[in-house]
Amino acid sequence: MTSQEHRLTDAYLFGLTLTEALKVDQSLCTALRTLEGPFDSLNDGYPEWHPAPHSFEGMVRLLLYRELTGESYRSLAQYPELAVVFDLEKIPDESVLSRTWRNRFDEATREFVTTAAHYVIKEVHDRDISAPEVRPKAEIVDDEQEAADPVEDKSFSQEEIIQTTRLARDHAFGHFDSGRASNASYEDTQFFELQTFMGMVHCGTAQGATRFQYRHGEEYSPHGDTHLRAVKQFDPEELVNGFNETTDRLLSVIASEASFRRPVTATIDITTIPYYGEVEGMPMVSGTKDRDGRAFKFATLSIIGQNIPLVLAVEPVRESSEWDENPSNQIHRTVRRLVRRAKEQVPIETVLCDREFDSIQVFQTLSNLDVNYLIPKRVSSSERDVLEQMEGDDQEVAVESASIHVESGSHPMRLLYVPSTSGEGTAVFATNLRVGPEEAETFCQRYSRRWQIESEYKSIKGDFLAKTSSKDYRIRLFYFVFAVLLYNIWRLTDFLLKASVGGEMDYAPVITAGECVELVASSLIPHD
């Protein structure tokens, strides 16, 4: 029997033993803590003299738990009690877990963890075993299908990833200038690397600065209050302009790719960053759908599709609220600014927006900008009449012609009535394209691509956004714009890695956001 066959046998035997324990109503944590496994046969990638504070066996059991439950590295920190379960001093932070998986675990150990965990997940769901902590089977089935893709099978060395990440990094930070004196104690780059670290470990300024100084020395890195003072030097308008110039530079790296010489599909949306303080004197804080919620809001325009999802433009949203004197928000002006900026970088064919952008001014603005749109409509009395007529005629699809007439212009449009993808009722969309009844349903299916922006926002806010409770809008804007920039670097790095091996591009990344942001932080720090 080969060594690989031995490893797979050990993995399946451990998975079988764990499944049997779950069958008799033993909890997942108890079973993982008490079951004996072939851990002595696995290789600890760290030598004995390495100062790793966490036991190798404890980390194997913890990462088995992670693979079984589908928890992220970051979310594991929310369960400090797991440290006791797996005999660890504490639950390691995200960067330690990521390094453990990549560097401390060799290929055999990673294969043992995934093989054993996936066997248990399939058995739990196929045999209807009660184990609520275990993740859905569909998640690992999808993962295995993605792993079979020829691009995904490519093994990228750590050096390849580092070199590509540095290439992305080198095109990103040069367009941001705080305007501070040339003899300042710290260069802007040192604030960027601290900000990257804070986003990586998902902490606040004071804590992040202290932890960063502990790693690199007090003389090397600024204190938290120094960092905040420097951030306030970035003028909001110049910050957005810097983001635009940086995005243009990032796109220049891949300008030769055919996919970016063709018109792209883009999506516009608004995301919120919750705010819990006093709102008096806070004109950039807005209300939310939750009646009592308060948040900073940012609009973005992103490329979506199979090749490289990037955020092309960011726009702060300033709304009228009961605690300020802001004029009513005219969302079509936000749309105009976003599309104009994006069209300077790539040709745009179609823009997808959600129902929040259902406005005749938005429709006409997009038409004036010579782009197509597909936007779900709110159902008013006229749409209800059509729906009732469709029901009476037993129709599933209908197309109604209409026209927009506003001060800024006019154009013909169509209202598309198609079966909802949720399987219930009929969805109504507005578009300025000539779409007939026979193609309406297929055309509207492209709206499902907007799911990518939800994944995008989740990553920006969950993987790259540093914490802050500051009331200062300059800090809030800087933190958000910087998080978006790190997201773009991750996606560009992933694209370049895929392009280096050829093959069909797809949405799934070959390196995780956590790996990329850690590499960006480390590559900003000069070598000894």
Protein backbone atom coordinates (compact mmCIF):
# COMPACT_ATOMS: atom_id res chain seq x y z
CA MET A 1 0.00 0.00 0.00
CA THR A 2 1.39 3.41 -0.96
CA SER A 3 1.77 6.25 1.53
CA GLN A 4 -1.13 8.10 -0.13
CA GLU A 5 -3.34 5.03 0.21
CA HIS A 6 -2.37 4.80 3.89
CA ARG A 7 -3.36 8.43 4.38
CA LEU A 8 -6.73 7.98 2.70
CA THR A 9 -7.40 4.83 4.70
CA ASP A 10 -6.60 6.63 7.95
CA ALA A 11 -8.89 9.50 6.94
CA TYR A 12 -11.82 7.25 6.08
CA LEU A 13 -11.38 5.18 9.25
CA PHE A 14 -11.37 8.31 11.38
CA GLY A 15 -14.41 9.61 9.49
CA LEU A 16 -16.20 6.30 10.05
CA THR A 17 -15.44 6.37 13.78
CA LEU A 18 -16.64 9.97 14.05
CA THR A 19 -19.85 9.13 12.17
CA GLU A 20 -20.57 6.24 14.53
CA ALA A 21 -20.13 8.56 17.52
CA LEU A 22 -22.61 11.04 16.02
CA LYS A 23 -25.10 8.21 15.44
CA VAL A 24 -25.35 7.65 19.20
CA ASP A 25 -26.17 11.33 19.78
CA GLN A 26 -22.69 12.35 20.83
CA SER A 27 -22.11 16.03 20.08
CA LEU A 28 -19.63 16.97 17.38
CA CYS A 29 -17.34 18.78 19.85
CA THR A 30 -17.36 15.88 22.32
CA ALA A 31 -16.62 13.36 19.59
CA LEU A 32 -13.78 15.40 18.12
CA ARG A 33 -12.29 15.94 21.59
CA THR A 34 -12.42 12.34 22.78
CA LEU A 35 -11.86 10.20 19.69
CA GLU A 36 -8.39 8.89 19.11
CA GLY A 37 -6.97 9.48 15.66
CA PRO A 38 -3.84 8.80 13.64
CA PHE A 39 -2.47 12.22 14.51
CA ASP A 40 1.01 10.86 15.33
CA SER A 41 1.34 9.73 11.73
CA LEU A 42 0.75 13.26 10.44
CA ASN A 43 3.72 15.55 9.97
CA ASP A 44 4.02 18.80 11.97
CA GLY A 45 5.50 21.25 9.47
CA TYR A 46 6.99 23.38 12.26
CA PRO A 47 10.30 22.15 13.76
CA GLU A 48 10.57 21.53 17.50
CA TRP A 49 12.28 24.86 18.08
CA HIS A 50 9.46 26.80 16.37
CA PRO A 51 7.71 29.07 18.90
CA ALA A 52 4.19 27.97 17.86
CA PRO A 53 2.09 28.17 21.07
CA HIS A 54 -0.63 25.80 19.81
CA SER A 55 -0.30 22.02 19.86
CA PHE A 56 -0.27 20.33 16.48
CA GLU A 57 -2.93 17.77 17.43
CA GLY A 58 -5.16 20.50 18.85
CA MET A 59 -4.91 22.46 15.60
CA VAL A 60 -5.74 19.36 13.54
CA ARG A 61 -8.87 18.75 15.64
CA LEU A 62 -9.85 22.45 15.43
CA LEU A 63 -9.46 22.57 11.65
CA LEU A 64 -11.40 19.33 11.35
CA TYR A 65 -14.18 21.11 13.24
CA ARG A 66 -13.91 24.06 10.86
CA GLU A 67 -14.13 21.84 7.77
CA LEU A 68 -17.08 19.94 9.23
CA THR A 69 -19.06 23.05 10.17
CA GLY A 70 -18.06 25.39 7.34
CA GLU A 71 -17.12 28.13 9.82
CA SER A 72 -14.69 30.77 8.54
CA TYR A 73 -11.35 31.38 10.23
CA ARG A 74 -12.72 34.64 11.57
CA SER A 75 -15.97 33.22 12.92
CA LEU A 76 -14.10 30.60 14.96
CA ALA A 77 -12.91 33.42 17.22
CA GLN A 78 -16.53 33.88 18.31
CA TYR A 79 -16.36 30.51 20.10
CA PRO A 80 -13.60 30.86 22.72
CA GLU A 81 -14.95 27.75 24.46
CA LEU A 82 -13.51 25.70 21.61
CA ALA A 83 -10.05 26.34 23.04
CA VAL A 84 -10.94 24.14 26.02
CA VAL A 85 -12.54 21.53 23.79
CA PHE A 86 -9.40 21.10 21.68
CA ASP A 87 -6.85 21.67 24.46
CA LEU A 88 -5.56 24.98 23.12
CA GLU A 89 -4.49 28.01 25.15
CA LYS A 90 -6.88 30.15 23.08
CA ILE A 91 -8.54 30.17 19.68
CA PRO A 92 -5.91 31.46 17.22
CA ASP A 93 -6.72 34.50 15.13
CA GLU A 94 -7.45 34.36 11.41
CA SER A 95 -3.87 34.89 10.24
CA VAL A 96 -2.52 32.10 12.48
CA LEU A 97 -5.17 29.67 11.25
CA SER A 98 -4.44 30.58 7.64
CA ARG A 99 -0.67 30.10 8.11
CA THR A 100 -1.25 26.82 9.94
CA TRP A 101 -3.28 25.45 7.04
CA ARG A 102 -0.83 26.66 4.37
CA ASN A 103 2.53 26.27 6.09
CA ARG A 104 2.28 24.01 9.16
CA PHE A 105 0.04 21.42 7.52
CA ASP A 106 1.62 19.62 4.59
CA GLU A 107 -0.41 18.23 1.69
CA ALA A 108 -0.95 14.93 3.51
CA THR A 109 -2.40 16.63 6.61
CA ARG A 110 -4.68 18.86 4.56
CA GLU A 111 -5.85 15.81 2.60
CA PHE A 112 -6.53 13.93 5.85
CA VAL A 113 -8.66 16.80 7.23
CA THR A 114 -10.74 17.34 4.08
CA THR A 115 -11.19 13.63 3.28
CA ALA A 116 -12.30 12.70 6.81
CA ALA A 117 -14.58 15.75 7.17
CA HIS A 118 -16.25 15.35 3.77
CA TYR A 119 -16.89 11.65 4.42
CA VAL A 120 -18.69 12.55 7.67
CA ILE A 121 -20.70 15.36 6.04
CA LYS A 122 -21.97 13.03 3.31
CA GLU A 123 -22.81 10.26 5.79
CA VAL A 124 -24.66 12.65 8.11
CA HIS A 125 -26.92 13.90 5.34
CA ASP A 126 -27.27 10.66 3.37
CA ARG A 127 -28.20 8.67 6.49
CA ASP A 128 -30.21 11.46 8.17
CA ILE A 129 -28.00 11.52 11.29
CA SER A 130 -28.85 14.27 13.77
CA ALA A 131 -25.81 16.59 13.79
CA PRO A 132 -27.02 20.18 13.42
CA GLU A 133 -23.50 21.64 13.52
CA VAL A 134 -22.46 19.82 10.33
CA ARG A 135 -22.55 21.99 7.21
CA PRO A 136 -24.88 21.27 4.24
CA LYS A 137 -23.73 18.55 1.87
CA ALA A 138 -24.22 20.87 -1.12
CA GLU A 139 -21.35 23.07 0.08
CA ILE A 140 -18.74 20.33 -0.14
CA VAL A 141 -20.20 18.81 -3.30
CA ASP A 142 -19.89 22.21 -4.99
CA ASP A 143 -16.35 22.56 -3.61
CA GLU A 144 -15.36 19.18 -5.03
CA GLN A 145 -16.83 20.06 -8.42
CA GLU A 146 -14.91 23.33 -8.43
CA ALA A 147 -11.74 21.48 -7.42
CA ALA A 148 -12.08 19.31 -10.52
CA ASP A 149 -11.83 22.34 -12.80
CA PRO A 150 -8.53 22.36 -14.75
CA VAL A 151 -7.70 25.86 -13.53
CA GLU A 152 -8.44 24.95 -9.92
CA ASP A 153 -6.18 21.89 -10.19
CA LYS A 154 -3.18 24.13 -10.82
CA SER A 155 -0.93 24.21 -7.78
CA PHE A 156 0.45 27.71 -7.22
CA SER A 157 3.61 27.94 -5.21
CA GLN A 158 3.82 30.38 -2.32
CA GLU A 159 6.43 32.34 -4.26
CA GLU A 160 4.16 32.66 -7.31
CA ILE A 161 1.34 34.00 -5.13
CA ILE A 162 3.67 36.44 -3.33
CA GLN A 163 5.15 37.74 -6.59
CA THR A 164 1.73 38.23 -8.15
CA THR A 165 0.36 39.91 -5.03
CA ARG A 166 3.29 42.30 -5.00
CA LEU A 167 2.66 43.11 -8.64
CA ALA A 168 -0.93 44.02 -7.78
CA ARG A 169 0.25 45.95 -4.72
CA ASP A 170 2.76 47.96 -6.77
CA HIS A 171 -0.05 49.30 -8.95
CA ALA A 172 -2.33 50.23 -6.06
CA PHE A 173 -0.94 52.60 -3.47
CA GLY A 174 0.92 55.22 -5.50
CA HIS A 175 -2.10 57.43 -6.14
CA PHE A 176 -2.95 58.12 -2.50
CA ASP A 177 -1.24 61.12 -0.96
CA SER A 178 -2.07 62.53 2.46
CA GLY A 179 -0.32 65.80 1.67
CA ARG A 180 1.71 65.57 4.88
CA ALA A 181 5.12 67.24 5.15
CA SER A 182 8.03 65.44 3.50
CA ASN A 183 9.90 65.32 6.81
CA ALA A 184 7.05 63.58 8.65
CA SER A 185 8.08 60.75 10.96
CA TYR A 186 6.22 58.12 8.94
CA GLU A 187 5.68 57.73 5.22
CA ASP A 188 2.17 57.20 3.86
CA THR A 189 3.07 53.59 3.02
CA GLN A 190 3.53 52.82 6.71
CA PHE A 191 -0.03 53.92 7.38
CA PHE A 192 -1.22 51.79 4.45
CA GLU A 193 0.45 48.68 5.81
CA LEU A 194 -1.01 49.30 9.28
CA GLN A 195 -4.45 49.76 7.71
CA THR A 196 -3.97 46.51 5.80
CA PHE A 197 -3.04 44.69 9.00
CA MET A 198 -6.09 46.10 10.80
CA GLY A 199 -8.35 44.88 8.00
CA MET A 200 -6.63 41.50 8.03
CA VAL A 201 -7.18 40.88 11.73
CA HIS A 202 -10.49 42.78 11.76
CA CYS A 203 -9.67 45.00 14.72
CA GLY A 204 -9.81 48.66 15.69
CA THR A 205 -7.10 51.28 15.38
CA ALA A 206 -5.70 51.26 18.91
CA GLN A 207 -5.61 47.47 19.16
CA GLY A 208 -4.30 47.08 15.62
CA ALA A 209 -1.47 49.58 16.14
CA THR A 210 -0.44 47.90 19.40
CA ARG A 211 -0.42 44.43 17.85
CA PHE A 212 1.44 45.69 14.78
CA GLN A 213 4.09 47.41 16.93
CA TYR A 214 4.50 44.22 18.94
CA ARG A 215 5.34 42.40 15.72
CA HIS A 216 7.54 45.01 14.08
CA GLY A 217 8.79 47.32 16.82
CA GLU A 218 7.55 50.61 18.24
CA GLU A 219 9.93 52.66 16.08
CA TYR A 220 8.70 51.11 12.85
CA SER A 221 4.96 51.66 13.10
CA PRO A 222 2.83 54.67 14.15
CA HIS A 223 0.67 54.70 17.26
CA GLY A 224 -3.08 54.48 16.84
CA ASP A 225 -3.73 58.17 17.46
CA THR A 226 -0.99 59.08 14.97
CA HIS A 227 -2.63 56.81 12.42
CA LEU A 228 -6.02 58.48 12.89
CA ARG A 229 -4.50 61.95 12.55
CA ALA A 230 -2.84 60.92 9.29
CA VAL A 231 -6.06 59.40 7.94
CA LYS A 232 -7.87 62.68 8.56
CA GLN A 233 -5.37 64.39 6.24
CA PHE A 234 -6.82 62.56 3.24
CA ASP A 235 -9.35 64.90 1.66
CA PRO A 236 -12.57 62.93 0.89
CA GLU A 237 -12.73 64.11 -2.72
CA GLU A 238 -9.04 63.41 -3.28
CA LEU A 239 -9.49 60.01 -1.67
CA VAL A 240 -12.19 59.06 -4.17
CA ASN A 241 -10.07 60.45 -7.01
CA GLY A 242 -7.13 58.40 -5.79
CA PHE A 243 -9.31 55.30 -5.83
CA ASN A 244 -10.35 56.06 -9.42
CA GLU A 245 -6.74 56.51 -10.55
CA THR A 246 -5.69 53.35 -8.75
CA THR A 247 -8.50 51.34 -10.35
CA ASP A 248 -7.46 52.63 -13.77
CA ARG A 249 -3.87 51.55 -13.03
CA LEU A 250 -5.00 48.10 -11.89
CA LEU A 251 -7.04 47.66 -15.05
CA SER A 252 -4.04 48.65 -17.16
CA VAL A 253 -2.29 45.51 -15.93
CA ILE A 254 -4.94 43.36 -17.63
CA ALA A 255 -5.79 45.69 -20.51
CA SER A 256 -4.57 43.14 -23.03
CA GLU A 257 -7.18 40.61 -21.95
CA ALA A 258 -9.89 40.28 -24.60
CA SER A 259 -12.62 40.16 -21.96
CA PHE A 260 -11.94 43.79 -21.13
CA ARG A 261 -11.99 45.01 -24.68
CA ARG A 262 -15.61 43.89 -24.88
CA PRO A 263 -18.47 45.76 -23.17
CA VAL A 264 -19.10 44.41 -19.69
CA THR A 265 -22.11 43.97 -17.45
CA ALA A 266 -21.99 46.09 -14.31
CA THR A 267 -24.10 46.34 -11.20
CA ILE A 268 -24.80 49.35 -8.99
CA ASP A 269 -25.80 48.95 -5.38
CA ILE A 270 -25.67 50.65 -2.00
CA THR A 271 -24.15 49.06 1.08
CA THR A 272 -24.41 50.18 4.69
CA ILE A 273 -21.89 50.36 7.54
CA PRO A 274 -23.87 50.41 10.82
CA TYR A 275 -23.48 53.42 13.13
CA TYR A 276 -24.63 53.35 16.75
CA GLY A 277 -23.68 56.77 18.11
CA GLU A 278 -25.51 60.09 18.41
CA VAL A 279 -26.75 61.42 15.08
CA GLU A 280 -26.85 65.12 15.94
CA GLY A 281 -24.42 66.92 13.65
CA MET A 282 -23.81 63.77 11.58
CA PRO A 283 -24.99 64.67 8.05
CA MET A 284 -23.40 61.58 6.44
CA VAL A 285 -25.35 59.19 8.68
CA SER A 286 -28.60 57.92 7.15
CA GLY A 287 -31.56 55.88 8.24
CA THR A 288 -31.92 52.26 7.13
CA LYS A 289 -34.74 49.90 6.22
CA ASP A 290 -34.81 48.94 9.87
CA ARG A 291 -36.78 51.90 11.24
CA ASP A 292 -34.40 52.49 14.13
CA GLY A 293 -31.20 51.62 12.25
CA ARG A 294 -28.50 54.18 11.43
CA ALA A 295 -25.62 53.74 8.99
CA PHE A 296 -23.05 55.28 6.69
CA LYS A 297 -23.97 54.44 3.10
CA PHE A 298 -21.73 53.92 0.07
CA ALA A 299 -22.75 53.30 -3.53
CA THR A 300 -20.53 51.18 -5.79
CA LEU A 301 -20.40 50.14 -9.40
CA SER A 302 -18.84 46.72 -10.03
CA ILE A 303 -18.01 44.50 -12.96
CA ILE A 304 -19.76 41.16 -12.66
CA GLY A 305 -19.38 37.98 -14.63
CA GLN A 306 -17.03 35.05 -14.90
CA ASN A 307 -13.68 36.74 -15.39
CA ILE A 308 -12.77 39.33 -12.75
CA PRO A 309 -15.24 41.05 -10.43
CA LEU A 310 -13.83 44.48 -9.60
CA VAL A 311 -15.28 47.59 -7.99
CA LEU A 312 -14.80 50.35 -10.56
CA ALA A 313 -16.26 53.31 -8.68
CA VAL A 314 -17.21 54.31 -5.14
CA GLU A 315 -19.54 57.16 -4.23
CA PRO A 316 -20.53 58.33 -0.72
CA VAL A 317 -24.30 58.58 -0.27
CA ARG A 318 -25.62 61.70 1.44
CA GLU A 319 -29.31 61.50 2.27
CA SER A 320 -31.87 63.78 3.86
CA SER A 321 -32.58 62.75 7.44
CA GLU A 322 -34.54 64.22 10.30
CA TRP A 323 -31.31 65.21 12.10
CA ASP A 324 -29.72 67.21 9.26
CA GLU A 325 -30.52 69.77 6.56
CA ASN A 326 -29.42 67.69 3.60
CA PRO A 327 -31.45 68.09 0.41
CA SER A 328 -33.44 65.06 -0.70
CA ASN A 329 -31.18 62.39 -2.16
CA GLN A 330 -31.45 62.28 -5.94
CA ILE A 331 -30.18 58.83 -6.63
CA HIS A 332 -29.93 59.35 -10.39
CA ARG A 333 -27.09 61.80 -9.80
CA THR A 334 -25.19 59.14 -7.87
CA VAL A 335 -25.80 56.73 -10.75
CA ARG A 336 -24.56 59.32 -13.27
CA ARG A 337 -21.29 59.87 -11.40
CA LEU A 338 -20.64 56.15 -10.96
CA VAL A 339 -21.30 55.25 -14.61
CA ARG A 340 -19.30 58.17 -16.00
CA ARG A 341 -16.28 57.17 -13.93
CA ALA A 342 -16.58 53.52 -14.86
CA LYS A 343 -16.95 54.25 -18.58
CA GLU A 344 -13.58 56.00 -18.50
CA GLN A 345 -12.08 52.61 -17.69
CA VAL A 346 -14.14 49.96 -19.51
CA PRO A 347 -16.97 49.92 -22.05
CA ILE A 348 -20.26 49.14 -20.31
CA GLU A 349 -23.05 47.34 -22.09
CA THR A 350 -25.66 46.72 -19.38
CA VAL A 351 -26.23 47.97 -15.84
CA LEU A 352 -28.17 45.91 -13.29
CA CYS A 353 -29.65 47.64 -10.22
CA ASP A 354 -32.02 46.53 -7.50
CA ARG A 355 -35.51 47.85 -6.80
CA GLU A 356 -34.08 50.78 -4.81
CA PHE A 357 -33.13 52.33 -8.19
CA ASP A 358 -36.65 52.03 -9.66
CA SER A 359 -36.97 55.65 -10.74
CA ILE A 360 -37.81 57.30 -14.06
CA GLN A 361 -34.88 59.69 -13.46
CA VAL A 362 -32.52 56.72 -13.09
CA PHE A 363 -33.93 55.12 -16.26
CA GLN A 364 -33.42 58.30 -18.26
CA THR A 365 -29.96 58.92 -16.79
CA LEU A 366 -28.80 55.48 -17.91
CA SER A 367 -30.36 55.97 -21.33
CA ASN A 368 -28.59 59.33 -21.67
CA LEU A 369 -25.31 57.61 -20.81
CA ASP A 370 -25.94 55.17 -23.68
CA VAL A 371 -26.03 52.02 -21.55
CA ASN A 372 -28.71 49.36 -21.31
CA TYR A 373 -30.44 48.69 -18.01
CA LEU A 374 -32.40 45.91 -16.33
CA ILE A 375 -34.06 46.98 -13.08
CA PRO A 376 -36.89 45.31 -11.12
CA LYS A 377 -40.01 47.45 -10.81
CA ARG A 378 -42.11 48.15 -7.78
CA VAL A 379 -45.65 46.96 -8.49
CA SER A 380 -48.09 49.86 -8.74
CA SER A 381 -51.72 49.91 -9.82
CA SER A 382 -50.89 49.80 -13.55
CA GLU A 383 -48.62 46.78 -13.10
CA ARG A 384 -51.28 45.09 -10.97
CA ASP A 385 -53.79 45.51 -13.79
CA VAL A 386 -51.42 43.73 -16.19
CA LEU A 387 -50.83 40.94 -13.67
CA GLU A 388 -54.56 40.42 -13.25
CA GLN A 389 -55.00 40.31 -17.02
CA MET A 390 -52.16 37.76 -17.32
CA GLU A 391 -53.79 35.58 -14.68
CA GLY A 392 -57.13 35.75 -16.48
CA ASP A 393 -55.48 34.82 -19.79
CA ASP A 394 -53.34 32.11 -18.14
CA GLN A 395 -50.16 33.86 -19.34
CA GLU A 396 -46.75 33.36 -17.73
CA VAL A 397 -44.89 36.03 -19.72
CA ALA A 398 -45.91 39.44 -21.02
CA VAL A 399 -44.14 42.50 -22.46
CA GLU A 400 -45.63 45.98 -22.26
CA SER A 401 -44.30 48.98 -24.18
CA ALA A 402 -43.92 52.26 -22.31
CA SER A 403 -41.99 55.51 -22.54
CA ILE A 404 -40.12 57.85 -20.22
CA HIS A 405 -40.55 61.61 -20.46
CA VAL A 406 -38.61 63.78 -17.99
CA GLU A 407 -36.83 67.13 -18.13
CA SER A 408 -33.51 65.49 -19.08
CA GLY A 409 -34.95 63.60 -22.06
CA SER A 410 -37.16 60.74 -23.15
CA HIS A 411 -36.83 57.19 -24.45
CA PRO A 412 -38.94 54.11 -25.12
CA MET A 413 -38.79 51.28 -22.60
CA ARG A 414 -40.39 47.92 -21.92
CA LEU A 415 -41.87 46.30 -18.85
CA LEU A 416 -41.13 42.59 -18.74
CA TYR A 417 -43.43 40.29 -16.74
CA VAL A 418 -41.73 36.94 -16.16
CA PRO A 419 -41.99 34.06 -13.66
CA SER A 420 -40.13 34.87 -10.47
CA THR A 421 -36.95 32.85 -9.91
CA SER A 422 -38.20 32.19 -6.37
CA GLY A 423 -40.91 30.05 -7.91
CA GLU A 424 -43.69 32.24 -6.55
CA GLY A 425 -45.58 34.82 -8.57
CA THR A 426 -44.40 37.10 -11.34
CA ALA A 427 -41.46 39.53 -11.36
CA VAL A 428 -41.62 42.82 -13.25
CA PHE A 429 -38.50 44.39 -14.83
CA ALA A 430 -37.88 47.65 -16.68
CA THR A 431 -35.43 47.79 -19.59
CA ASN A 432 -34.61 50.11 -22.49
CA LEU A 433 -33.83 47.19 -24.80
CA ARG A 434 -36.23 45.86 -27.42
CA VAL A 435 -37.16 42.52 -25.86
CA GLY A 436 -40.02 40.37 -27.13
CA PRO A 437 -42.20 37.93 -25.16
CA GLU A 438 -40.35 34.90 -26.53
CA GLU A 439 -37.00 36.09 -25.13
CA ALA A 440 -38.12 38.03 -22.04
CA GLU A 441 -37.66 35.23 -19.51
CA THR A 442 -34.20 34.30 -20.78
CA PHE A 443 -33.16 37.96 -20.87
CA CYS A 444 -34.26 38.54 -17.27
CA GLN A 445 -32.27 35.55 -16.07
CA ARG A 446 -29.12 37.63 -16.43
CA TYR A 447 -30.35 39.60 -13.41
CA SER A 448 -29.38 36.62 -11.25
CA ARG A 449 -25.74 37.63 -11.78
CA ARG A 450 -26.32 40.33 -9.19
CA TRP A 451 -25.79 37.73 -6.45
CA GLN A 452 -22.09 38.38 -6.95
CA ILE A 453 -22.35 41.85 -5.44
CA GLU A 454 -23.74 40.40 -2.21
CA SER A 455 -20.71 38.12 -2.05
CA GLU A 456 -18.54 41.13 -2.85
CA TYR A 457 -19.92 43.28 -0.03
CA LYS A 458 -19.63 40.36 2.37
CA SER A 459 -15.95 40.03 1.53
CA ILE A 460 -15.20 43.76 1.62
CA LYS A 461 -16.80 44.19 5.04
CA GLY A 462 -15.86 40.79 6.46
CA ASP A 463 -12.33 40.29 5.13
CA PHE A 464 -10.88 43.76 4.52
CA LEU A 465 -12.68 46.42 6.57
CA ALA A 466 -10.98 47.48 9.80
CA LYS A 467 -13.16 48.25 12.79
CA THR A 468 -13.80 51.77 14.01
CA SER A 469 -16.37 53.55 16.14
CA SER A 470 -15.21 57.00 15.02
CA LYS A 471 -17.80 59.68 14.31
CA ASP A 472 -15.38 61.38 11.89
CA TYR A 473 -16.59 60.80 8.35
CA ARG A 474 -13.09 61.18 6.92
CA ILE A 475 -12.03 58.09 8.87
CA ARG A 476 -15.14 56.14 7.87
CA LEU A 477 -14.63 56.94 4.19
CA PHE A 478 -10.91 56.12 4.27
CA TYR A 479 -11.55 52.76 5.96
CA PHE A 480 -14.23 51.79 3.44
CA VAL A 481 -12.32 52.94 0.34
CA PHE A 482 -9.19 51.16 1.55
CA ALA A 483 -11.17 47.94 2.14
CA VAL A 484 -12.53 48.12 -1.41
CA LEU A 485 -9.00 48.68 -2.71
CA LEU A 486 -7.76 45.56 -0.89
CA TYR A 487 -10.68 43.61 -2.36
CA ASN A 488 -9.67 44.75 -5.86
CA ILE A 489 -6.06 43.73 -5.23
CA TRP A 490 -7.24 40.28 -4.17
CA ARG A 491 -9.35 39.88 -7.29
CA LEU A 492 -6.59 41.19 -9.58
CA THR A 493 -4.07 38.82 -7.98
CA ASP A 494 -6.47 35.92 -8.47
CA PHE A 495 -7.00 36.91 -12.11
CA LEU A 496 -3.27 37.10 -12.81
CA LEU A 497 -2.68 33.71 -11.25
CA LYS A 498 -5.41 32.16 -13.39
CA ALA A 499 -4.15 33.93 -16.51
CA SER A 500 -0.66 32.50 -15.92
CA VAL A 501 -1.94 28.96 -16.45
CA GLY A 502 -4.47 29.67 -19.18
CA GLY A 503 -7.85 27.99 -19.35
CA GLU A 504 -11.35 29.31 -18.81
CA MET A 505 -11.77 32.00 -16.18
CA ASP A 506 -14.46 31.57 -13.56
CA TYR A 507 -15.71 33.43 -10.52
CA ALA A 508 -14.31 31.13 -7.83
CA PRO A 509 -10.93 32.43 -6.55
CA VAL A 510 -7.81 30.28 -6.36
CA ILE A 511 -6.53 32.05 -3.24
CA THR A 512 -8.64 33.16 -0.30
CA ALA A 513 -9.16 36.78 0.65
CA GLY A 514 -7.39 36.12 3.94
CA GLU A 515 -4.32 34.73 2.20
CA CYS A 516 -4.14 37.68 -0.17
CA VAL A 517 -4.51 40.41 2.41
CA GLU A 518 -1.89 38.77 4.62
CA LEU A 519 0.52 38.68 1.70
CA VAL A 520 -0.18 42.31 0.84
CA ALA A 521 0.57 43.30 4.42
CA SER A 522 3.77 41.28 4.51
CA SER A 523 4.99 42.50 1.13
CA LEU A 524 4.54 46.13 2.18
CA ILE A 525 6.93 45.56 5.07
CA PRO A 526 10.56 45.85 3.95
CA HIS A 527 12.78 42.81 4.46
CA ASP A 528 15.44 42.89 7.17
